[in-house]
């Protein structure tokens, strides 16, 4: 496998970014994971469970689901999506772009991505979805196909630690981590990716460390 130009510098920059993000966002990520676990029916956080006498049973009730659904179900009943507006009145560009965006949303089943993001937003305070631009064909041409896809694990998003805006719109960098099986990684990137798999990925934070039978696939945005 050939090394891309400037690959080592990009990787060094990325690992430094991860270290900064992990240091700044560690407490927030831990809280997000606790919130999602409790919303799914877990009755206590690990700290509380570990402090209880051994052998003592605990029963969990999924009591938060009805309250979460009160906020999520109205969107399911009347889903909405990306809205394009002209910055100059009468330009007509926004209407044409809106039709293109609607087509992308329909082909992507974007409503599911939006529902997933809203679900995480209600339960953990933050939700996200991602636009990908894979090639339409791996063997023919350079046409790209835009897709709107859900982000299931919001704690797998590496956020820019110096954002000032509450929604992160001023972020200079961002990354998304996805764990894929080793056989899939070999097929996509070759045997070298697996043979050079690091023993430790501490720089990516404990939430992002892959299991022994998987590899971290990371999309890095600048």
Protein backbone atom coordinates (compact mmCIF):
# COMPACT_ATOMS: atom_id res chain seq x y z
CA UNK A 1 0.00 0.00 0.00
CA UNK A 2 1.41 3.37 -1.00
CA UNK A 3 1.61 6.13 1.57
CA UNK A 4 -0.33 9.25 0.62
CA UNK A 5 1.58 12.50 0.26
CA UNK A 6 1.95 14.21 3.62
CA UNK A 7 0.27 11.25 5.33
CA UNK A 8 2.61 11.19 8.34
CA UNK A 9 2.12 14.91 8.96
CA UNK A 10 -1.66 14.53 8.68
CA UNK A 11 -1.64 11.61 11.11
CA UNK A 12 0.52 13.53 13.59
CA UNK A 13 -1.83 16.51 13.35
CA UNK A 14 -4.83 14.22 13.80
CA UNK A 15 -3.44 12.48 16.90
CA UNK A 16 -2.66 15.86 18.49
CA UNK A 17 -6.22 16.96 17.72
CA UNK A 18 -7.57 13.76 19.33
CA UNK A 19 -5.48 14.31 22.45
CA UNK A 20 -6.77 17.89 22.77
CA UNK A 21 -10.37 16.83 22.17
CA UNK A 22 -10.17 13.90 24.58
CA UNK A 23 -8.74 16.10 27.32
CA UNK A 24 -11.35 18.81 26.83
CA UNK A 25 -14.39 16.59 26.23
CA UNK A 26 -13.72 13.56 28.44
CA UNK A 27 -16.23 14.57 31.14
CA UNK A 28 -18.90 15.48 28.56
CA UNK A 29 -18.47 12.18 26.69
CA UNK A 30 -18.75 10.20 29.93
CA UNK A 31 -21.96 12.06 30.75
CA UNK A 32 -23.35 11.41 27.25
CA UNK A 33 -22.73 7.67 27.60
CA UNK A 34 -24.34 7.62 31.06
CA UNK A 35 -27.37 9.55 29.79
CA UNK A 36 -27.87 7.16 26.86
CA UNK A 37 -27.54 4.12 29.12
CA UNK A 38 -30.07 5.47 31.61
CA UNK A 39 -32.46 6.44 28.79
CA UNK A 40 -32.25 2.85 27.49
CA UNK A 41 -33.38 1.48 30.87
CA UNK A 42 -30.21 1.17 32.95
CA UNK A 43 -31.28 2.18 36.47
CA UNK A 44 -27.96 3.42 37.88
CA UNK A 45 -24.59 4.65 36.67
CA UNK A 46 -21.59 2.31 37.12
CA UNK A 47 -20.33 4.29 40.12
CA UNK A 48 -23.57 3.66 42.02
CA UNK A 49 -23.72 -0.02 41.04
CA UNK A 50 -20.12 -0.68 42.11
CA UNK A 51 -20.72 0.96 45.50
CA UNK A 52 -23.64 -1.36 46.36
CA UNK A 53 -23.19 -4.59 48.35
CA UNK A 54 -22.26 -7.57 46.18
CA UNK A 55 -25.10 -9.89 45.22
CA UNK A 56 -27.78 -7.24 45.69
CA UNK A 57 -30.25 -7.35 42.79
CA UNK A 58 -31.44 -4.25 40.94
CA UNK A 59 -34.43 -3.95 38.64
CA UNK A 60 -34.51 -1.49 35.75
CA UNK A 61 -37.62 0.22 34.38
CA UNK A 62 -37.69 1.92 30.99
CA UNK A 63 -39.57 4.87 32.45
CA UNK A 64 -37.97 7.59 30.31
CA UNK A 65 -39.10 6.24 26.91
CA UNK A 66 -42.63 7.78 27.00
CA UNK A 67 -41.22 11.20 27.88
CA UNK A 68 -38.56 11.02 25.15
CA UNK A 69 -41.15 9.90 22.60
CA UNK A 70 -43.30 12.93 23.38
CA UNK A 71 -40.54 15.04 21.84
CA UNK A 72 -39.48 12.63 19.07
CA UNK A 73 -42.87 11.39 17.80
CA UNK A 74 -44.08 14.77 16.43
CA UNK A 75 -41.11 14.70 14.04
CA UNK A 76 -41.92 11.13 13.04
CA UNK A 77 -45.50 12.21 12.27
CA UNK A 78 -44.46 15.32 10.30
CA UNK A 79 -40.80 14.94 9.30
CA UNK A 80 -38.91 17.90 7.93
CA UNK A 81 -35.43 18.27 6.45
CA UNK A 82 -32.89 20.74 5.14
CA UNK A 83 -34.46 24.02 4.00
CA UNK A 84 -32.69 26.13 1.36
CA UNK A 85 -33.46 29.84 1.04
CA UNK A 86 -32.13 32.49 -1.34
CA UNK A 87 -29.95 35.14 0.25
CA UNK A 88 -31.08 37.46 -2.56
CA UNK A 89 -34.84 37.71 -3.05
CA UNK A 90 -36.02 36.48 -6.45
CA UNK A 91 -32.72 34.79 -7.38
CA UNK A 92 -34.46 31.43 -7.83
CA UNK A 93 -31.32 29.45 -7.05
CA UNK A 94 -32.60 28.24 -3.70
CA UNK A 95 -35.62 26.56 -5.26
CA UNK A 96 -33.47 24.57 -7.69
CA UNK A 97 -31.00 23.58 -4.98
CA UNK A 98 -33.91 22.61 -2.72
CA UNK A 99 -35.11 20.08 -5.30
CA UNK A 100 -31.60 18.57 -5.46
CA UNK A 101 -31.42 18.36 -1.66
CA UNK A 102 -34.85 16.72 -1.49
CA UNK A 103 -33.64 14.09 -3.96
CA UNK A 104 -30.56 13.40 -1.84
CA UNK A 105 -32.73 13.11 1.28
CA UNK A 106 -35.11 10.67 -0.40
CA UNK A 107 -32.35 8.46 -1.80
CA UNK A 108 -30.56 8.46 1.56
CA UNK A 109 -33.64 7.80 3.69
CA UNK A 110 -32.46 10.89 5.53
CA UNK A 111 -35.50 10.91 7.82
CA UNK A 112 -33.94 8.01 9.74
CA UNK A 113 -30.70 9.97 10.16
CA UNK A 114 -32.66 12.96 11.46
CA UNK A 115 -34.71 10.80 13.84
CA UNK A 116 -31.51 9.21 15.19
CA UNK A 117 -29.97 12.65 15.74
CA UNK A 118 -33.13 13.93 17.45
CA UNK A 119 -33.27 10.81 19.63
CA UNK A 120 -29.70 11.40 20.84
CA UNK A 121 -30.41 15.12 21.27
CA UNK A 122 -33.38 14.45 23.54
CA UNK A 123 -31.60 11.77 25.58
CA UNK A 124 -28.04 13.13 25.78
CA UNK A 125 -28.16 16.79 24.76
CA UNK A 126 -26.41 16.36 21.41
CA UNK A 127 -27.20 14.62 18.13
CA UNK A 128 -25.57 14.54 14.71
CA UNK A 129 -25.77 13.18 11.18
CA UNK A 130 -23.17 13.22 8.43
CA UNK A 131 -23.05 13.87 4.68
CA UNK A 132 -20.80 11.45 2.77
CA UNK A 133 -19.64 11.74 -0.83
CA UNK A 134 -18.58 8.28 -1.96
CA UNK A 135 -18.01 7.59 -5.65
CA UNK A 136 -21.18 6.47 -7.41
CA UNK A 137 -19.17 3.68 -9.06
CA UNK A 138 -15.89 2.12 -7.96
CA UNK A 139 -14.97 1.13 -11.51
CA UNK A 140 -16.37 3.82 -13.80
CA UNK A 141 -16.05 7.62 -13.73
CA UNK A 142 -15.57 10.16 -10.99
CA UNK A 143 -19.21 11.02 -10.28
CA UNK A 144 -19.91 11.28 -6.59
CA UNK A 145 -23.09 10.36 -4.77
CA UNK A 146 -24.02 12.43 -1.75
CA UNK A 147 -25.69 10.60 1.11
CA UNK A 148 -27.07 11.71 4.45
CA UNK A 149 -26.30 9.04 7.02
CA UNK A 150 -27.04 8.63 10.75
CA UNK A 151 -24.45 8.70 13.51
CA UNK A 152 -25.53 6.02 15.96
CA UNK A 153 -22.79 6.60 18.55
CA UNK A 154 -22.55 10.30 19.29
CA UNK A 155 -19.56 9.61 21.56
CA UNK A 156 -17.66 8.46 18.45
CA UNK A 157 -17.58 12.04 17.12
CA UNK A 158 -14.33 13.80 17.97
CA UNK A 159 -15.25 17.46 18.44
CA UNK A 160 -13.09 20.54 18.06
CA UNK A 161 -12.30 21.55 21.64
CA UNK A 162 -12.06 25.30 20.95
CA UNK A 163 -15.53 25.88 19.48
CA UNK A 164 -17.37 28.85 20.92
CA UNK A 165 -20.76 28.22 19.31
CA UNK A 166 -23.03 25.82 21.19
CA UNK A 167 -23.70 23.80 18.00
CA UNK A 168 -20.04 23.69 16.96
CA UNK A 169 -20.61 25.56 13.68
CA UNK A 170 -17.29 27.40 14.15
CA UNK A 171 -15.29 24.15 14.47
CA UNK A 172 -12.02 24.08 12.50
CA UNK A 173 -11.73 20.28 12.64
CA UNK A 174 -13.85 17.24 13.40
CA UNK A 175 -13.54 13.48 13.07
CA UNK A 176 -15.88 10.49 13.13
CA UNK A 177 -14.70 7.06 14.25
CA UNK A 178 -16.28 3.86 13.01
CA UNK A 179 -15.21 0.36 14.07
CA UNK A 180 -15.22 -2.12 11.19
CA UNK A 181 -14.43 -5.87 11.19
CA UNK A 182 -10.87 -6.85 10.24
CA UNK A 183 -11.97 -8.72 7.11
CA UNK A 184 -13.82 -5.61 5.88
CA UNK A 185 -10.74 -3.47 6.59
CA UNK A 186 -8.57 -5.87 4.56
CA UNK A 187 -10.96 -5.71 1.63
CA UNK A 188 -11.11 -1.91 1.66
CA UNK A 189 -7.53 -0.96 2.49
CA UNK A 190 -5.33 -4.03 2.08
CA UNK A 191 -3.48 -6.34 4.48
CA UNK A 192 -1.01 -3.64 5.55
CA UNK A 193 -3.69 -1.75 7.46
CA UNK A 194 -4.36 -4.76 9.67
CA UNK A 195 -0.73 -5.86 10.05
CA UNK A 196 0.24 -2.34 11.18
CA UNK A 197 -2.62 -2.06 13.65
CA UNK A 198 -1.25 -0.35 16.81
CA UNK A 199 -1.38 -2.21 20.11
CA UNK A 200 -2.78 0.84 21.86
CA UNK A 201 -5.00 3.64 20.61
CA UNK A 202 -4.99 5.67 23.81
CA UNK A 203 -4.60 8.91 21.84
CA UNK A 204 -8.12 8.38 20.50
CA UNK A 205 -9.59 8.08 23.99
CA UNK A 206 -11.04 5.00 25.67
CA UNK A 207 -14.44 5.49 24.00
CA UNK A 208 -12.87 5.08 20.58
CA UNK A 209 -10.58 2.06 21.15
CA UNK A 210 -11.57 -0.81 18.82
CA UNK A 211 -11.90 -4.40 19.97
CA UNK A 212 -9.27 -7.00 19.04
CA UNK A 213 -11.29 -8.19 16.02
CA UNK A 214 -11.97 -4.74 14.57
CA UNK A 215 -10.15 -1.72 13.18
CA UNK A 216 -10.89 1.97 13.68
CA UNK A 217 -11.91 3.65 10.43
CA UNK A 218 -11.63 7.40 10.91
CA UNK A 219 -12.96 10.21 8.73
CA UNK A 220 -11.08 13.44 9.46
CA UNK A 221 -12.61 16.77 8.44
CA UNK A 222 -10.76 20.08 8.26
